[in-house]
N, C-alpha and C. Protein backbone atom coordinates (compact mmCIF):
# COMPACT_ATOMS: atom_id res chain seq x y z
N MET A 1 5.06 -16.25 21.02
CA MET A 1 5.54 -15.85 19.36
C MET A 1 5.73 -16.25 18.08
N GLN A 2 5.01 -17.76 18.27
CA GLN A 2 4.98 -18.45 17.12
C GLN A 2 3.80 -17.27 16.64
N ASN A 3 2.95 -16.86 17.09
CA ASN A 3 1.27 -16.05 16.66
C ASN A 3 1.51 -15.10 16.11
N LEU A 4 3.09 -14.31 16.57
CA LEU A 4 3.67 -12.88 16.14
C LEU A 4 4.05 -13.15 14.84
N ASP A 5 4.77 -14.39 14.91
CA ASP A 5 5.15 -15.04 13.34
C ASP A 5 4.39 -14.85 12.65
N LEU A 6 3.21 -15.64 12.67
CA LEU A 6 2.01 -15.65 12.00
C LEU A 6 1.60 -14.52 11.52
N ILE A 7 1.76 -13.63 12.30
CA ILE A 7 0.67 -12.58 12.07
C ILE A 7 1.88 -11.55 11.41
N GLU A 8 2.93 -11.69 11.46
CA GLU A 8 3.82 -10.58 10.55
C GLU A 8 3.90 -11.67 9.06
N LYS A 9 3.56 -12.85 8.79
CA LYS A 9 3.84 -13.39 7.76
C LYS A 9 2.49 -12.93 6.91
N GLU A 10 1.50 -12.69 7.18
CA GLU A 10 0.21 -12.48 6.96
C GLU A 10 0.32 -10.66 6.46
N ILE A 11 1.01 -9.88 7.46
CA ILE A 11 1.09 -8.75 7.12
C ILE A 11 2.03 -8.31 6.03
N LYS A 12 3.00 -9.23 5.68
CA LYS A 12 4.42 -9.01 4.77
C LYS A 12 3.25 -9.40 3.38
N THR A 13 2.45 -10.48 3.40
CA THR A 13 1.66 -11.10 2.33
C THR A 13 1.16 -10.22 1.78
N VAL A 14 0.53 -9.01 2.44
CA VAL A 14 -0.69 -8.13 2.34
C VAL A 14 0.10 -7.65 1.51
N ILE A 15 0.88 -6.61 1.97
CA ILE A 15 2.39 -5.87 1.38
C ILE A 15 2.54 -6.02 0.20
N ASP A 16 3.37 -7.40 -0.10
CA ASP A 16 3.51 -7.73 -1.55
C ASP A 16 2.50 -8.15 -2.27
N THR A 17 1.27 -8.13 -2.30
CA THR A 17 0.00 -8.37 -2.77
C THR A 17 -0.07 -6.85 -3.38
N CYS A 18 -0.12 -6.00 -2.47
CA CYS A 18 -0.30 -4.52 -2.43
C CYS A 18 0.81 -4.17 -3.73
N ASP A 19 2.03 -4.24 -3.43
CA ASP A 19 2.83 -3.85 -4.48
C ASP A 19 2.70 -4.53 -5.56
N LYS A 20 2.33 -5.50 -5.86
CA LYS A 20 2.22 -6.08 -7.19
C LYS A 20 0.80 -5.63 -7.81
N LEU A 21 -0.24 -5.21 -6.84
CA LEU A 21 -1.35 -4.44 -7.65
C LEU A 21 -0.77 -3.08 -8.45
N ILE A 22 -0.19 -2.26 -7.69
CA ILE A 22 0.61 -0.88 -7.96
C ILE A 22 1.12 -1.73 -9.25
N HIS A 23 2.17 -2.03 -9.27
CA HIS A 23 2.82 -2.61 -10.12
C HIS A 23 2.17 -3.00 -11.38
N GLN A 24 0.98 -3.65 -11.23
CA GLN A 24 0.10 -3.94 -12.49
C GLN A 24 -0.92 -2.95 -12.83
N GLU A 25 -0.98 -2.02 -12.00
CA GLU A 25 -1.82 -0.83 -12.15
C GLU A 25 -3.26 -1.14 -12.20
N LYS A 26 -3.31 -1.51 -10.90
CA LYS A 26 -4.65 -2.60 -10.57
C LYS A 26 -5.00 -1.98 -9.30
N PHE A 27 -5.68 -0.91 -9.82
CA PHE A 27 -5.91 0.67 -8.67
C PHE A 27 -6.98 -0.09 -7.81
N ASP A 28 -8.55 -0.30 -8.68
CA ASP A 28 -9.34 -0.82 -7.89
C ASP A 28 -9.09 -2.00 -7.08
N GLU A 29 -8.50 -2.84 -7.39
CA GLU A 29 -8.59 -3.82 -6.80
C GLU A 29 -7.58 -3.56 -5.14
N LEU A 30 -6.15 -2.30 -5.40
CA LEU A 30 -5.43 -2.26 -4.55
C LEU A 30 -6.71 -1.29 -3.02
N VAL A 31 -7.48 -0.41 -3.67
CA VAL A 31 -8.25 0.20 -2.63
C VAL A 31 -9.05 -0.87 -1.92
N ASN A 32 -9.26 -1.96 -2.52
CA ASN A 32 -10.19 -2.74 -1.44
C ASN A 32 -9.73 -3.25 -0.07
N PHE A 33 -8.40 -3.22 -0.25
CA PHE A 33 -7.80 -3.26 1.08
C PHE A 33 -7.83 -1.87 2.39
N TYR A 34 -8.16 -1.09 1.63
CA TYR A 34 -8.99 -0.07 2.50
C TYR A 34 -9.82 -0.01 2.81
N THR A 35 -10.33 0.84 4.09
CA THR A 35 -12.01 1.11 4.52
C THR A 35 -12.23 2.36 3.89
N GLU A 36 -13.57 2.60 3.26
CA GLU A 36 -14.07 4.02 3.12
C GLU A 36 -13.61 5.39 3.62
N ASP A 37 -13.30 5.22 5.02
CA ASP A 37 -12.28 6.54 5.81
C ASP A 37 -10.89 6.22 6.20
N ALA A 38 -10.53 5.71 5.15
CA ALA A 38 -9.18 5.00 5.29
C ALA A 38 -8.38 6.46 5.54
N VAL A 39 -6.91 6.85 6.11
CA VAL A 39 -6.30 7.72 5.15
C VAL A 39 -5.04 7.26 4.91
N LEU A 40 -4.26 7.54 4.30
CA LEU A 40 -3.04 7.52 3.73
C LEU A 40 -1.89 8.47 3.83
N VAL A 41 -0.96 8.03 4.50
CA VAL A 41 0.10 9.09 4.81
C VAL A 41 1.11 8.93 3.80
N ILE A 42 0.70 9.86 2.85
CA ILE A 42 1.87 10.26 1.73
C ILE A 42 3.07 10.56 2.07
N LYS A 43 3.00 11.35 2.83
CA LYS A 43 4.55 12.03 3.90
C LYS A 43 3.87 12.86 4.63
N PRO A 44 4.63 13.27 5.42
CA PRO A 44 3.67 14.25 6.78
C PRO A 44 3.44 15.37 6.19
N GLY A 45 2.32 15.59 6.56
CA GLY A 45 1.50 16.68 6.23
C GLY A 45 0.45 16.54 4.69
N MET A 46 0.72 15.45 4.24
CA MET A 46 0.25 15.25 3.13
C MET A 46 -0.61 13.79 2.92
N LEU A 47 -2.00 14.08 2.87
CA LEU A 47 -2.91 13.04 3.22
C LEU A 47 -3.68 12.75 2.31
N ALA A 48 -4.30 11.45 2.06
CA ALA A 48 -5.20 11.09 1.31
C ALA A 48 -6.40 10.41 2.01
N ASN A 49 -7.41 11.30 2.04
CA ASN A 49 -8.57 10.38 2.72
C ASN A 49 -9.45 9.50 2.11
N GLY A 50 -9.92 8.32 2.53
CA GLY A 50 -11.17 7.65 1.58
C GLY A 50 -10.38 7.07 0.41
N ARG A 51 -10.80 5.89 0.14
CA ARG A 51 -10.74 5.00 -1.05
C ARG A 51 -10.54 5.99 -2.59
N GLU A 52 -11.43 6.98 -2.58
CA GLU A 52 -10.84 7.61 -4.44
C GLU A 52 -9.76 8.60 -3.75
N GLN A 53 -9.49 8.71 -3.25
CA GLN A 53 -7.74 10.11 -2.76
C GLN A 53 -6.78 9.06 -2.81
N ILE A 54 -7.12 7.74 -1.92
CA ILE A 54 -5.72 7.19 -2.14
C ILE A 54 -5.94 6.20 -3.39
N LYS A 55 -6.93 5.85 -4.06
CA LYS A 55 -6.59 5.61 -5.54
C LYS A 55 -5.65 6.42 -6.15
N SER A 56 -6.22 7.90 -6.32
CA SER A 56 -5.34 9.10 -7.03
C SER A 56 -4.12 9.02 -6.50
N ALA A 57 -3.94 9.01 -5.30
CA ALA A 57 -2.53 8.86 -4.50
C ALA A 57 -1.82 7.89 -5.41
N PHE A 58 -1.73 6.55 -5.18
CA PHE A 58 -1.10 5.55 -5.78
C PHE A 58 -0.98 5.58 -7.18
N ILE A 59 -2.05 6.03 -8.12
CA ILE A 59 -1.88 6.41 -9.54
C ILE A 59 -0.56 7.33 -9.57
N LYS A 60 -0.63 8.07 -8.80
CA LYS A 60 0.54 9.09 -8.90
C LYS A 60 1.18 8.55 -8.43
N ILE A 61 1.64 8.04 -7.58
CA ILE A 61 3.00 7.38 -6.71
C ILE A 61 3.76 6.41 -8.02
N ALA A 62 2.76 5.46 -8.69
CA ALA A 62 2.98 4.52 -9.32
C ALA A 62 3.85 5.01 -11.16
N SER A 63 3.39 6.36 -11.00
CA SER A 63 3.45 6.89 -12.40
C SER A 63 5.05 7.65 -11.84
N TYR A 64 5.17 8.15 -11.06
CA TYR A 64 6.60 8.67 -10.14
C TYR A 64 7.70 8.21 -10.21
N PHE A 65 7.27 6.69 -9.49
CA PHE A 65 8.35 5.92 -9.68
C PHE A 65 8.16 4.78 -10.89
N ASP A 66 7.76 5.24 -12.31
CA ASP A 66 7.30 4.10 -13.07
C ASP A 66 7.07 2.77 -12.69
N ASN A 67 5.78 2.66 -11.80
CA ASN A 67 5.40 1.26 -11.65
C ASN A 67 6.61 0.54 -10.84
N SER A 68 7.72 0.81 -10.27
CA SER A 68 8.62 0.26 -9.52
C SER A 68 9.15 0.37 -8.39
N TYR A 69 7.98 1.30 -7.81
CA TYR A 69 7.65 1.35 -6.59
C TYR A 69 7.15 -0.03 -5.27
N ARG A 70 7.90 -0.21 -4.34
CA ARG A 70 8.26 -1.45 -3.73
C ARG A 70 8.07 -0.98 -2.12
N THR A 71 7.22 -1.68 -1.69
CA THR A 71 7.29 -1.02 0.16
C THR A 71 8.30 -2.04 1.28
N THR A 72 9.09 -1.18 1.70
CA THR A 72 9.93 -2.12 2.74
C THR A 72 9.53 -1.46 4.07
N LEU A 73 9.58 -2.85 4.71
CA LEU A 73 9.48 -2.64 6.32
C LEU A 73 10.70 -2.18 7.17
N ILE A 74 10.62 -1.47 7.82
CA ILE A 74 11.69 -1.05 8.76
C ILE A 74 12.92 -1.54 9.32
N ASP A 75 12.16 -3.11 9.04
CA ASP A 75 13.39 -3.86 9.67
C ASP A 75 13.93 -4.70 8.71
N GLU A 76 13.55 -4.53 7.73
CA GLU A 76 14.14 -5.27 6.59
C GLU A 76 15.75 -4.66 6.10
N LYS A 77 16.61 -5.52 5.45
CA LYS A 77 17.70 -5.32 5.10
C LYS A 77 17.98 -5.24 3.75
């Protein structure tokens, strides 16, 4: 169980880092967390393929939410 706790902590750290990069509009740094062939599911049926489309999607998402977007995990309360 200890390994799972460590993995969960690392994942949350990456998510928090990405949220900060979105808030700071550091989209070039943000997309470095994605591979060149990554796919971001924005919502069902709406996908961003590759770093350039993912960057563009995050720019639009940040603008829409006035840079206040924060990722929440399913088990967070």
